[in-house]
Amino acid sequence: LCLFIPAGTLRWWNAWVFLGLGFIAFLTGGLYVIRKQPAVVNERGRASDKTKPFDKLFSRLSFPLGLGAFIVAGLDFRFGWSEVPLWLQIVGMIGLLPTLFMPYWVMLVNAYAATTVRVETERGQHVISSGPYRYVRHPMYSVTILGCFFDPLAFGSWWMAVPTVLMAILFIWRTANEDRTLQEELPGYVAFTHQTRYRLLPGIW
């Protein structure tokens, strides 16, 4: 709705390819995770009164930014504000592939990949150091931020970069706060930071 209503048409290949890739990712990675790791589905759908205050603020800010990015892209397509070369749009779509598939890898190895920041050791939460966590401590955020920069290319909208760049900044802020929380509250996490040194981008941060 946030794509096609602002665009004023269903004849928008970028939106259809994006939705199609997301559907394929779910049919492959998503259903595999549901079969192999059903606990993570329950975890992500479960509310908790332990959600950190900074993460409640994050949710209030990220939701309108995420929907707003699609609305801006749709309006841009309708009114022709941007001129993005076709080859760049294709590069953008290819760049979005990790953002569609990586979350399922994260959920496959981490049954406590919740949608909000909380530490619940009484329910068995512990440090995960396998899979993508061997490379960065917050792999789902890494690919989400990557997607924030490929989205404007994929949708052919330079104006879409305004909300997506703000979203990327918001995720970096969330990462810093979540990492600090885990170091303070999750046993073994400080040792994990010495094993996997970087939060989001290997060699940089």
N, C-alpha and C. Protein backbone atom coordinates (compact mmCIF):
# COMPACT_ATOMS: atom_id res chain seq x y z
N LEU A 1 0.82 -1.21 0.00
CA LEU A 1 0.00 0.00 0.00
C LEU A 1 0.86 1.26 0.00
N CYS A 2 1.94 1.23 0.81
CA CYS A 2 2.81 2.41 0.91
C CYS A 2 3.64 2.61 -0.34
N LEU A 3 3.69 1.60 -1.20
CA LEU A 3 4.41 1.74 -2.46
C LEU A 3 3.46 2.14 -3.59
N PHE A 4 2.39 1.36 -3.79
CA PHE A 4 1.59 1.53 -4.99
C PHE A 4 0.58 2.68 -4.91
N ILE A 5 0.05 2.95 -3.72
CA ILE A 5 -0.89 4.07 -3.62
C ILE A 5 -0.20 5.40 -3.90
N PRO A 6 0.95 5.69 -3.28
CA PRO A 6 1.65 6.94 -3.64
C PRO A 6 2.09 6.96 -5.10
N ALA A 7 2.46 5.79 -5.65
CA ALA A 7 2.89 5.75 -7.05
C ALA A 7 1.72 5.98 -8.01
N GLY A 8 0.50 5.69 -7.54
CA GLY A 8 -0.68 5.92 -8.37
C GLY A 8 -0.84 4.92 -9.50
N THR A 9 -0.11 3.82 -9.44
CA THR A 9 -0.18 2.82 -10.49
C THR A 9 0.41 1.51 -9.98
N LEU A 10 0.01 0.42 -10.64
CA LEU A 10 0.62 -0.87 -10.36
C LEU A 10 1.75 -1.17 -11.33
N ARG A 11 1.93 -0.32 -12.31
CA ARG A 11 2.94 -0.55 -13.35
C ARG A 11 4.28 0.07 -12.91
N TRP A 12 4.88 -0.59 -11.96
CA TRP A 12 6.14 -0.11 -11.40
C TRP A 12 7.02 -1.32 -11.13
N TRP A 13 7.92 -1.62 -12.04
CA TRP A 13 8.67 -2.87 -11.96
C TRP A 13 9.53 -2.95 -10.70
N ASN A 14 10.06 -1.81 -10.25
CA ASN A 14 10.93 -1.82 -9.07
C ASN A 14 10.21 -2.38 -7.86
N ALA A 15 8.98 -1.92 -7.65
CA ALA A 15 8.21 -2.37 -6.50
C ALA A 15 7.89 -3.85 -6.60
N TRP A 16 7.52 -4.30 -7.80
CA TRP A 16 7.17 -5.71 -7.97
C TRP A 16 8.39 -6.61 -7.78
N VAL A 17 9.54 -6.20 -8.28
CA VAL A 17 10.76 -7.00 -8.10
C VAL A 17 11.13 -7.06 -6.63
N PHE A 18 11.04 -5.93 -5.95
CA PHE A 18 11.34 -5.89 -4.51
C PHE A 18 10.43 -6.84 -3.74
N LEU A 19 9.13 -6.77 -4.00
CA LEU A 19 8.18 -7.63 -3.30
C LEU A 19 8.40 -9.10 -3.68
N GLY A 20 8.72 -9.34 -4.94
CA GLY A 20 8.97 -10.70 -5.38
C GLY A 20 10.19 -11.31 -4.72
N LEU A 21 11.27 -10.52 -4.61
CA LEU A 21 12.48 -11.01 -3.95
C LEU A 21 12.22 -11.29 -2.48
N GLY A 22 11.44 -10.42 -1.85
CA GLY A 22 11.10 -10.64 -0.45
C GLY A 22 10.28 -11.91 -0.27
N PHE A 23 9.38 -12.17 -1.21
CA PHE A 23 8.55 -13.38 -1.15
C PHE A 23 9.40 -14.63 -1.34
N ILE A 24 10.34 -14.58 -2.28
CA ILE A 24 11.24 -15.71 -2.52
C ILE A 24 12.10 -15.97 -1.29
N ALA A 25 12.57 -14.88 -0.66
CA ALA A 25 13.38 -15.03 0.55
C ALA A 25 12.59 -15.71 1.65
N PHE A 26 11.31 -15.36 1.76
CA PHE A 26 10.48 -15.99 2.79
C PHE A 26 10.23 -17.46 2.47
N LEU A 27 9.94 -17.76 1.21
CA LEU A 27 9.65 -19.14 0.83
C LEU A 27 10.85 -20.06 1.01
N THR A 28 12.04 -19.49 0.91
CA THR A 28 13.25 -20.29 1.08
C THR A 28 13.77 -20.18 2.52
N GLY A 29 14.36 -19.04 2.85
CA GLY A 29 14.93 -18.87 4.17
C GLY A 29 13.90 -18.84 5.28
N GLY A 30 12.78 -18.16 5.06
CA GLY A 30 11.78 -18.00 6.11
C GLY A 30 11.15 -19.32 6.52
N LEU A 31 10.70 -20.08 5.55
CA LEU A 31 10.07 -21.35 5.88
C LEU A 31 11.08 -22.34 6.46
N TYR A 32 12.33 -22.25 6.02
CA TYR A 32 13.36 -23.12 6.58
C TYR A 32 13.58 -22.81 8.05
N VAL A 33 13.61 -21.53 8.39
CA VAL A 33 13.78 -21.14 9.79
C VAL A 33 12.59 -21.59 10.63
N ILE A 34 11.38 -21.44 10.09
CA ILE A 34 10.19 -21.87 10.82
C ILE A 34 10.25 -23.36 11.12
N ARG A 35 10.78 -24.12 10.18
CA ARG A 35 10.85 -25.58 10.37
C ARG A 35 11.98 -25.97 11.32
N LYS A 36 13.13 -25.30 11.18
CA LYS A 36 14.30 -25.70 11.96
C LYS A 36 14.41 -24.99 13.31
N GLN A 37 13.89 -23.76 13.38
CA GLN A 37 14.07 -22.96 14.60
C GLN A 37 12.76 -22.24 14.95
N PRO A 38 11.69 -22.99 15.26
CA PRO A 38 10.41 -22.33 15.55
C PRO A 38 10.45 -21.44 16.78
N ALA A 39 11.40 -21.67 17.69
CA ALA A 39 11.47 -20.86 18.90
C ALA A 39 11.73 -19.40 18.59
N VAL A 40 12.50 -19.13 17.53
CA VAL A 40 12.82 -17.74 17.21
C VAL A 40 11.58 -17.00 16.71
N VAL A 41 10.68 -17.72 16.05
CA VAL A 41 9.43 -17.10 15.58
C VAL A 41 8.59 -16.67 16.79
N ASN A 42 8.52 -17.55 17.79
CA ASN A 42 7.79 -17.21 19.01
C ASN A 42 8.44 -16.04 19.73
N GLU A 43 9.77 -16.03 19.76
CA GLU A 43 10.50 -14.96 20.45
C GLU A 43 10.24 -13.62 19.79
N ARG A 44 10.27 -13.59 18.46
CA ARG A 44 10.08 -12.32 17.75
C ARG A 44 8.65 -11.83 17.83
N GLY A 45 7.72 -12.73 18.09
CA GLY A 45 6.33 -12.32 18.20
C GLY A 45 5.86 -12.06 19.61
N ARG A 46 6.77 -12.20 20.58
CA ARG A 46 6.40 -12.09 21.98
C ARG A 46 6.73 -10.70 22.52
N ALA A 47 5.75 -10.07 23.15
CA ALA A 47 5.99 -8.77 23.80
C ALA A 47 6.71 -8.99 25.12
N SER A 48 7.40 -7.98 25.59
CA SER A 48 8.13 -8.09 26.85
C SER A 48 8.14 -6.74 27.55
N ASP A 49 7.99 -6.79 28.89
CA ASP A 49 8.06 -5.55 29.66
C ASP A 49 9.50 -5.20 29.99
N LYS A 50 10.46 -5.98 29.46
CA LYS A 50 11.88 -5.71 29.71
C LYS A 50 12.54 -4.93 28.57
N THR A 51 11.75 -4.57 27.58
CA THR A 51 12.30 -3.78 26.48
C THR A 51 12.90 -2.49 27.01
N LYS A 52 14.11 -2.18 26.57
CA LYS A 52 14.82 -1.01 27.08
C LYS A 52 14.16 0.28 26.59
N PRO A 53 14.18 1.33 27.43
CA PRO A 53 13.56 2.60 27.04
C PRO A 53 14.10 3.16 25.73
N PHE A 54 15.42 3.06 25.51
CA PHE A 54 15.98 3.60 24.26
C PHE A 54 15.41 2.88 23.05
N ASP A 55 15.07 1.57 23.23
CA ASP A 55 14.55 0.82 22.11
C ASP A 55 13.08 1.13 21.85
N LYS A 56 12.36 1.52 22.88
CA LYS A 56 10.98 1.99 22.67
C LYS A 56 10.99 3.27 21.85
N LEU A 57 11.96 4.15 22.13
CA LEU A 57 12.10 5.37 21.33
C LEU A 57 12.48 5.01 19.90
N PHE A 58 13.38 4.05 19.76
CA PHE A 58 13.77 3.62 18.42
C PHE A 58 12.56 3.16 17.61
N SER A 59 11.69 2.36 18.23
CA SER A 59 10.51 1.85 17.53
C SER A 59 9.59 2.98 17.10
N ARG A 60 9.43 3.98 17.97
CA ARG A 60 8.54 5.10 17.63
C ARG A 60 9.09 5.93 16.48
N LEU A 61 10.41 5.95 16.32
CA LEU A 61 11.02 6.73 15.25
C LEU A 61 11.18 5.92 13.97
N SER A 62 11.55 4.64 14.09
CA SER A 62 11.87 3.85 12.92
C SER A 62 10.63 3.45 12.11
N PHE A 63 9.51 3.24 12.79
CA PHE A 63 8.30 2.82 12.08
C PHE A 63 7.86 3.86 11.05
N PRO A 64 7.68 5.12 11.43
CA PRO A 64 7.28 6.10 10.41
C PRO A 64 8.36 6.35 9.36
N LEU A 65 9.63 6.24 9.74
CA LEU A 65 10.70 6.42 8.75
C LEU A 65 10.66 5.30 7.71
N GLY A 66 10.45 4.06 8.19
CA GLY A 66 10.42 2.94 7.27
C GLY A 66 9.27 3.03 6.28
N LEU A 67 8.07 3.34 6.78
CA LEU A 67 6.92 3.51 5.88
C LEU A 67 7.10 4.76 5.01
N GLY A 68 7.65 5.81 5.61
CA GLY A 68 7.85 7.05 4.87
C GLY A 68 8.78 6.88 3.68
N ALA A 69 9.79 6.02 3.84
CA ALA A 69 10.72 5.79 2.73
C ALA A 69 9.99 5.22 1.52
N PHE A 70 9.09 4.26 1.74
CA PHE A 70 8.32 3.69 0.63
C PHE A 70 7.38 4.73 0.02
N ILE A 71 6.77 5.54 0.87
CA ILE A 71 5.85 6.57 0.37
C ILE A 71 6.59 7.58 -0.49
N VAL A 72 7.78 8.01 -0.04
CA VAL A 72 8.58 8.96 -0.82
C VAL A 72 8.97 8.35 -2.16
N ALA A 73 9.37 7.07 -2.14
CA ALA A 73 9.74 6.41 -3.40
C ALA A 73 8.55 6.36 -4.36
N GLY A 74 7.38 6.05 -3.82
CA GLY A 74 6.19 6.00 -4.66
C GLY A 74 5.84 7.36 -5.26
N LEU A 75 5.92 8.39 -4.44
CA LEU A 75 5.63 9.74 -4.94
C LEU A 75 6.67 10.16 -5.97
N ASP A 76 7.92 9.79 -5.73
CA ASP A 76 8.98 10.11 -6.68
C ASP A 76 8.71 9.46 -8.03
N PHE A 77 8.26 8.20 -7.99
CA PHE A 77 7.95 7.51 -9.25
C PHE A 77 6.78 8.20 -9.96
N ARG A 78 5.77 8.61 -9.20
CA ARG A 78 4.59 9.24 -9.82
C ARG A 78 4.93 10.57 -10.47
N PHE A 79 5.72 11.38 -9.78
CA PHE A 79 5.96 12.75 -10.25
C PHE A 79 7.31 12.92 -10.95
N GLY A 80 8.11 11.86 -11.00
CA GLY A 80 9.36 11.91 -11.75
C GLY A 80 10.38 12.87 -11.19
N TRP A 81 10.54 12.88 -9.88
CA TRP A 81 11.50 13.79 -9.26
C TRP A 81 12.96 13.38 -9.53
N SER A 82 13.19 12.09 -9.67
CA SER A 82 14.56 11.59 -9.78
C SER A 82 14.80 10.94 -11.14
N GLU A 83 16.07 10.97 -11.54
CA GLU A 83 16.49 10.24 -12.74
C GLU A 83 17.68 9.37 -12.36
N VAL A 84 17.39 8.10 -12.09
CA VAL A 84 18.42 7.13 -11.71
C VAL A 84 18.61 6.19 -12.88
N PRO A 85 19.82 6.06 -13.40
CA PRO A 85 20.06 5.16 -14.54
C PRO A 85 19.60 3.74 -14.24
N LEU A 86 19.12 3.06 -15.27
CA LEU A 86 18.60 1.71 -15.11
C LEU A 86 19.66 0.78 -14.52
N TRP A 87 20.90 0.92 -14.95
CA TRP A 87 21.94 0.02 -14.46
C TRP A 87 22.15 0.20 -12.96
N LEU A 88 21.99 1.43 -12.47
CA LEU A 88 22.10 1.67 -11.03
C LEU A 88 20.92 1.07 -10.28
N GLN A 89 19.75 1.10 -10.89
CA GLN A 89 18.58 0.48 -10.25
C GLN A 89 18.78 -1.03 -10.12
N ILE A 90 19.37 -1.64 -11.15
CA ILE A 90 19.66 -3.07 -11.10
C ILE A 90 20.71 -3.37 -10.03
N VAL A 91 21.75 -2.54 -9.97
CA VAL A 91 22.77 -2.70 -8.92
C VAL A 91 22.12 -2.60 -7.54
N GLY A 92 21.18 -1.66 -7.40
CA GLY A 92 20.49 -1.50 -6.13
C GLY A 92 19.71 -2.75 -5.74
N MET A 93 19.02 -3.34 -6.70
CA MET A 93 18.26 -4.57 -6.41
C MET A 93 19.19 -5.70 -5.98
N ILE A 94 20.31 -5.83 -6.68
CA ILE A 94 21.28 -6.87 -6.32
C ILE A 94 21.83 -6.61 -4.92
N GLY A 95 22.08 -5.32 -4.61
CA GLY A 95 22.60 -4.96 -3.30
C GLY A 95 21.62 -5.24 -2.17
N LEU A 96 20.33 -5.32 -2.49
CA LEU A 96 19.32 -5.60 -1.46
C LEU A 96 19.22 -7.08 -1.12
N LEU A 97 19.79 -7.95 -1.93
CA LEU A 97 19.66 -9.39 -1.69
C LEU A 97 20.15 -9.80 -0.30
N PRO A 98 21.32 -9.33 0.15
CA PRO A 98 21.74 -9.71 1.52
C PRO A 98 20.76 -9.25 2.59
N THR A 99 20.12 -8.11 2.38
CA THR A 99 19.19 -7.59 3.39
C THR A 99 17.94 -8.44 3.48
N LEU A 100 17.62 -9.18 2.43
CA LEU A 100 16.43 -10.02 2.42
C LEU A 100 16.70 -11.42 2.97
N PHE A 101 17.93 -11.91 2.78
CA PHE A 101 18.25 -13.28 3.19
C PHE A 101 19.01 -13.38 4.50
N MET A 102 19.87 -12.40 4.81
CA MET A 102 20.67 -12.47 6.03
C MET A 102 19.85 -12.59 7.31
N PRO A 103 18.73 -11.87 7.46
CA PRO A 103 17.95 -12.01 8.70
C PRO A 103 17.56 -13.45 9.00
N TYR A 104 17.30 -14.25 7.97
CA TYR A 104 16.93 -15.64 8.22
C TYR A 104 18.13 -16.46 8.70
N TRP A 105 19.31 -16.14 8.24
CA TRP A 105 20.52 -16.81 8.75
C TRP A 105 20.71 -16.47 10.22
N VAL A 106 20.52 -15.18 10.54
CA VAL A 106 20.63 -14.75 11.94
C VAL A 106 19.63 -15.49 12.81
N MET A 107 18.38 -15.57 12.37
CA MET A 107 17.36 -16.25 13.16
C MET A 107 17.61 -17.74 13.27
N LEU A 108 18.27 -18.31 12.25
CA LEU A 108 18.55 -19.74 12.28
C LEU A 108 19.55 -20.09 13.39
N VAL A 109 20.52 -19.21 13.62
CA VAL A 109 21.56 -19.51 14.62
C VAL A 109 21.25 -18.90 15.98
N ASN A 110 20.35 -17.92 16.02
CA ASN A 110 20.09 -17.21 17.27
C ASN A 110 18.59 -17.23 17.59
N ALA A 111 18.21 -18.13 18.47
CA ALA A 111 16.80 -18.26 18.85
C ALA A 111 16.32 -17.08 19.68
N TYR A 112 17.23 -16.19 20.09
CA TYR A 112 16.84 -15.02 20.89
C TYR A 112 17.00 -13.73 20.10
N ALA A 113 16.88 -13.84 18.79
CA ALA A 113 16.92 -12.65 17.93
C ALA A 113 15.56 -11.96 17.99
N ALA A 114 15.32 -11.26 19.08
CA ALA A 114 14.03 -10.61 19.31
C ALA A 114 13.92 -9.33 18.50
N THR A 115 12.72 -8.83 18.40
CA THR A 115 12.50 -7.58 17.66
C THR A 115 12.79 -6.36 18.52
N THR A 116 12.90 -6.53 19.83
CA THR A 116 13.24 -5.42 20.71
C THR A 116 14.44 -5.80 21.56
N VAL A 117 15.12 -4.80 22.09
CA VAL A 117 16.31 -5.03 22.90
C VAL A 117 15.91 -5.37 24.33
N ARG A 118 16.24 -6.59 24.74
CA ARG A 118 15.97 -7.03 26.09
C ARG A 118 16.89 -8.20 26.41
N VAL A 119 17.22 -8.37 27.67
CA VAL A 119 18.06 -9.48 28.12
C VAL A 119 17.25 -10.32 29.09
N GLU A 120 17.10 -11.61 28.77
CA GLU A 120 16.28 -12.50 29.58
C GLU A 120 17.03 -13.79 29.86
N THR A 121 18.05 -13.68 30.71
CA THR A 121 18.87 -14.85 31.02
C THR A 121 18.08 -15.91 31.75
N GLU A 122 17.00 -15.51 32.45
CA GLU A 122 16.18 -16.50 33.15
C GLU A 122 15.47 -17.43 32.19
N ARG A 123 15.37 -17.03 30.93
CA ARG A 123 14.76 -17.88 29.90
C ARG A 123 15.82 -18.58 29.06
N GLY A 124 17.07 -18.52 29.52
CA GLY A 124 18.13 -19.24 28.83
C GLY A 124 18.89 -18.44 27.80
N GLN A 125 18.65 -17.13 27.71
CA GLN A 125 19.38 -16.33 26.72
C GLN A 125 20.87 -16.37 27.01
N HIS A 126 21.65 -16.57 25.95
CA HIS A 126 23.10 -16.66 26.09
C HIS A 126 23.75 -16.10 24.84
N VAL A 127 25.07 -15.95 24.91
CA VAL A 127 25.82 -15.38 23.79
C VAL A 127 25.84 -16.37 22.63
N ILE A 128 25.61 -15.85 21.42
CA ILE A 128 25.72 -16.62 20.19
C ILE A 128 26.95 -16.13 19.45
N SER A 129 27.84 -17.06 19.11
CA SER A 129 29.09 -16.66 18.45
C SER A 129 29.31 -17.39 17.13
N SER A 130 28.32 -18.14 16.67
CA SER A 130 28.46 -18.90 15.42
C SER A 130 27.79 -18.16 14.27
N GLY A 131 27.86 -18.75 13.08
CA GLY A 131 27.22 -18.15 11.91
C GLY A 131 27.75 -16.76 11.63
N PRO A 132 26.88 -15.82 11.30
CA PRO A 132 27.33 -14.46 10.98
C PRO A 132 27.93 -13.72 12.17
N TYR A 133 27.68 -14.23 13.38
CA TYR A 133 28.23 -13.58 14.57
C TYR A 133 29.74 -13.78 14.69
N ARG A 134 30.30 -14.60 13.82
CA ARG A 134 31.76 -14.73 13.79
C ARG A 134 32.41 -13.50 13.16
N TYR A 135 31.64 -12.72 12.43
CA TYR A 135 32.20 -11.60 11.67
C TYR A 135 31.87 -10.25 12.29
N VAL A 136 30.62 -10.09 12.71
CA VAL A 136 30.20 -8.86 13.40
C VAL A 136 29.24 -9.25 14.51
N ARG A 137 29.12 -8.37 15.51
CA ARG A 137 28.28 -8.70 16.66
C ARG A 137 26.81 -8.42 16.41
N HIS A 138 26.50 -7.62 15.39
CA HIS A 138 25.10 -7.28 15.08
C HIS A 138 24.86 -7.42 13.58
N PRO A 139 24.92 -8.66 13.07
CA PRO A 139 24.84 -8.85 11.61
C PRO A 139 23.52 -8.41 10.98
N MET A 140 22.40 -8.55 11.70
CA MET A 140 21.13 -8.13 11.12
C MET A 140 21.10 -6.62 10.92
N TYR A 141 21.69 -5.89 11.85
CA TYR A 141 21.74 -4.44 11.70
C TYR A 141 22.68 -4.05 10.57
N SER A 142 23.76 -4.82 10.40
CA SER A 142 24.72 -4.52 9.33
C SER A 142 24.03 -4.52 7.97
N VAL A 143 23.26 -5.58 7.70
CA VAL A 143 22.62 -5.67 6.39
C VAL A 143 21.44 -4.70 6.28
N THR A 144 20.79 -4.39 7.40
CA THR A 144 19.71 -3.40 7.37
C THR A 144 20.25 -2.04 6.97
N ILE A 145 21.39 -1.66 7.55
CA ILE A 145 22.02 -0.39 7.19
C ILE A 145 22.48 -0.42 5.74
N LEU A 146 23.02 -1.56 5.31
CA LEU A 146 23.41 -1.70 3.90
C LEU A 146 22.20 -1.44 3.00
N GLY A 147 21.07 -2.00 3.38
CA GLY A 147 19.86 -1.80 2.60
C GLY A 147 19.41 -0.36 2.54
N CYS A 148 19.67 0.38 3.61
CA CYS A 148 19.29 1.80 3.63
C CYS A 148 19.98 2.58 2.52
N PHE A 149 21.18 2.13 2.11
CA PHE A 149 21.91 2.83 1.06
C PHE A 149 21.60 2.28 -0.33
N PHE A 150 21.16 1.03 -0.41
CA PHE A 150 20.80 0.46 -1.71
C PHE A 150 19.34 0.73 -2.08
N ASP A 151 18.49 0.99 -1.09
CA ASP A 151 17.07 1.23 -1.37
C ASP A 151 16.84 2.34 -2.40
N PRO A 152 17.46 3.52 -2.22
CA PRO A 152 17.20 4.59 -3.20
C PRO A 152 17.58 4.21 -4.62
N LEU A 153 18.64 3.42 -4.76
CA LEU A 153 19.03 2.96 -6.09
C LEU A 153 18.01 1.96 -6.63
N ALA A 154 17.64 0.99 -5.80
CA ALA A 154 16.72 -0.06 -6.24
C ALA A 154 15.37 0.50 -6.67
N PHE A 155 14.90 1.53 -5.98
CA PHE A 155 13.60 2.11 -6.30
C PHE A 155 13.70 3.30 -7.25
N GLY A 156 14.93 3.63 -7.65
CA GLY A 156 15.11 4.72 -8.60
C GLY A 156 14.71 6.07 -8.05
N SER A 157 15.00 6.30 -6.75
CA SER A 157 14.56 7.54 -6.11
C SER A 157 15.67 8.11 -5.24
N TRP A 158 16.27 9.21 -5.70
CA TRP A 158 17.28 9.87 -4.87
C TRP A 158 16.66 10.45 -3.61
N TRP A 159 15.41 10.90 -3.70
CA TRP A 159 14.75 11.49 -2.53
C TRP A 159 14.49 10.46 -1.44
N MET A 160 14.40 9.20 -1.82
CA MET A 160 14.22 8.15 -0.82
C MET A 160 15.40 8.08 0.15
N ALA A 161 16.55 8.61 -0.28
CA ALA A 161 17.74 8.57 0.57
C ALA A 161 17.57 9.40 1.84
N VAL A 162 16.67 10.38 1.81
CA VAL A 162 16.48 11.21 3.01
C VAL A 162 16.00 10.36 4.19
N PRO A 163 14.87 9.65 4.09
CA PRO A 163 14.46 8.82 5.22
C PRO A 163 15.37 7.61 5.45
N THR A 164 15.95 7.03 4.39
CA THR A 164 16.76 5.83 4.60
C THR A 164 18.09 6.16 5.27
N VAL A 165 18.68 7.29 4.95
CA VAL A 165 19.92 7.68 5.65
C VAL A 165 19.62 7.97 7.12
N LEU A 166 18.50 8.63 7.38
CA LEU A 166 18.09 8.84 8.78
C LEU A 166 17.88 7.50 9.48
N MET A 167 17.31 6.53 8.77
CA MET A 167 17.12 5.20 9.33
C MET A 167 18.46 4.55 9.64
N ALA A 168 19.43 4.69 8.75
CA ALA A 168 20.75 4.12 8.99
C ALA A 168 21.39 4.72 10.24
N ILE A 169 21.27 6.03 10.40
CA ILE A 169 21.81 6.69 11.58
C ILE A 169 21.12 6.17 12.83
N LEU A 170 19.81 5.98 12.74
CA LEU A 170 19.04 5.47 13.87
C LEU A 170 19.50 4.06 14.25
N PHE A 171 19.79 3.22 13.27
CA PHE A 171 20.25 1.86 13.56
C PHE A 171 21.65 1.86 14.16
N ILE A 172 22.51 2.77 13.74
CA ILE A 172 23.83 2.87 14.34
C ILE A 172 23.70 3.26 15.81
N TRP A 173 22.81 4.19 16.09
CA TRP A 173 22.55 4.59 17.49
C TRP A 173 22.00 3.42 18.30
N ARG A 174 21.09 2.67 17.71
CA ARG A 174 20.53 1.50 18.40
C ARG A 174 21.62 0.46 18.67
N THR A 175 22.48 0.25 17.69
CA THR A 175 23.56 -0.73 17.85
C THR A 175 24.45 -0.37 19.03
N ALA A 176 24.83 0.90 19.12
CA ALA A 176 25.70 1.34 20.22
C ALA A 176 25.04 1.09 21.56
N ASN A 177 23.77 1.42 21.68
CA ASN A 177 23.06 1.24 22.94
C ASN A 177 22.82 -0.23 23.25
N GLU A 178 22.48 -1.02 22.25
CA GLU A 178 22.25 -2.44 22.48
C GLU A 178 23.54 -3.14 22.89
N ASP A 179 24.63 -2.80 22.21
CA ASP A 179 25.90 -3.43 22.54
C ASP A 179 26.32 -3.11 23.97
N ARG A 180 26.10 -1.87 24.37
CA ARG A 180 26.42 -1.48 25.75
C ARG A 180 25.54 -2.25 26.75
N THR A 181 24.28 -2.41 26.42
CA THR A 181 23.36 -3.15 27.29
C THR A 181 23.79 -4.61 27.43
N LEU A 182 24.15 -5.23 26.33
CA LEU A 182 24.56 -6.63 26.37
C LEU A 182 25.85 -6.81 27.16
N GLN A 183 26.78 -5.87 27.03
CA GLN A 183 28.01 -5.96 27.81
C GLN A 183 27.74 -5.86 29.30
N GLU A 184 26.74 -5.08 29.67
CA GLU A 184 26.43 -4.88 31.08
C GLU A 184 25.59 -6.02 31.67
N GLU A 185 24.74 -6.66 30.85
CA GLU A 185 23.73 -7.55 31.41
C GLU A 185 23.80 -9.01 30.95
N LEU A 186 24.44 -9.30 29.84
CA LEU A 186 24.46 -10.67 29.33
C LEU A 186 25.79 -11.35 29.66
N PRO A 187 25.78 -12.36 30.52
CA PRO A 187 27.02 -13.04 30.90
C PRO A 187 27.76 -13.59 29.67
N GLY A 188 29.06 -13.35 29.63
CA GLY A 188 29.88 -13.85 28.55
C GLY A 188 29.99 -12.92 27.36
N TYR A 189 29.19 -11.85 27.35
CA TYR A 189 29.20 -10.98 26.17
C TYR A 189 30.50 -10.17 26.07
N VAL A 190 31.04 -9.74 27.20
CA VAL A 190 32.30 -8.98 27.16
C VAL A 190 33.40 -9.83 26.54
N ALA A 191 33.48 -11.11 26.92
CA ALA A 191 34.46 -12.02 26.32
C ALA A 191 34.21 -12.17 24.83
N PHE A 192 32.93 -12.20 24.45
CA PHE A 192 32.56 -12.30 23.03
C PHE A 192 33.06 -11.10 22.24
N THR A 193 33.07 -9.91 22.86
CA THR A 193 33.55 -8.71 22.16
C THR A 193 35.04 -8.80 21.83
N HIS A 194 35.77 -9.62 22.57
CA HIS A 194 37.19 -9.83 22.25
C HIS A 194 37.36 -10.85 21.13
N GLN A 195 36.38 -11.74 21.02
CA GLN A 195 36.41 -12.75 19.96
C GLN A 195 35.93 -12.15 18.64
N THR A 196 34.79 -11.47 18.67
CA THR A 196 34.26 -10.76 17.50
C THR A 196 34.36 -9.28 17.81
N ARG A 197 35.38 -8.63 17.27
CA ARG A 197 35.75 -7.29 17.72
C ARG A 197 34.82 -6.20 17.21
N TYR A 198 34.20 -6.41 16.07
CA TYR A 198 33.48 -5.31 15.42
C TYR A 198 31.97 -5.45 15.54
N ARG A 199 31.32 -4.32 15.77
CA ARG A 199 29.87 -4.30 15.94
C ARG A 199 29.14 -4.45 14.62
N LEU A 200 29.49 -3.64 13.63
CA LEU A 200 28.74 -3.60 12.38
C LEU A 200 29.57 -3.87 11.14
N LEU A 201 30.77 -3.29 11.10
CA LEU A 201 31.58 -3.36 9.88
C LEU A 201 32.98 -3.82 10.21
N PRO A 202 33.37 -5.01 9.74
CA PRO A 202 34.70 -5.54 10.06
C PRO A 202 35.81 -4.55 9.69
N GLY A 203 36.72 -4.36 10.62
CA GLY A 203 37.86 -3.48 10.39
C GLY A 203 37.61 -2.02 10.67
N ILE A 204 36.34 -1.66 10.90
CA ILE A 204 36.03 -0.24 11.11
C ILE A 204 35.34 0.00 12.46
N TRP A 205 34.17 -0.66 12.72
CA TRP A 205 33.45 -0.40 13.97
C TRP A 205 32.60 -1.58 14.36
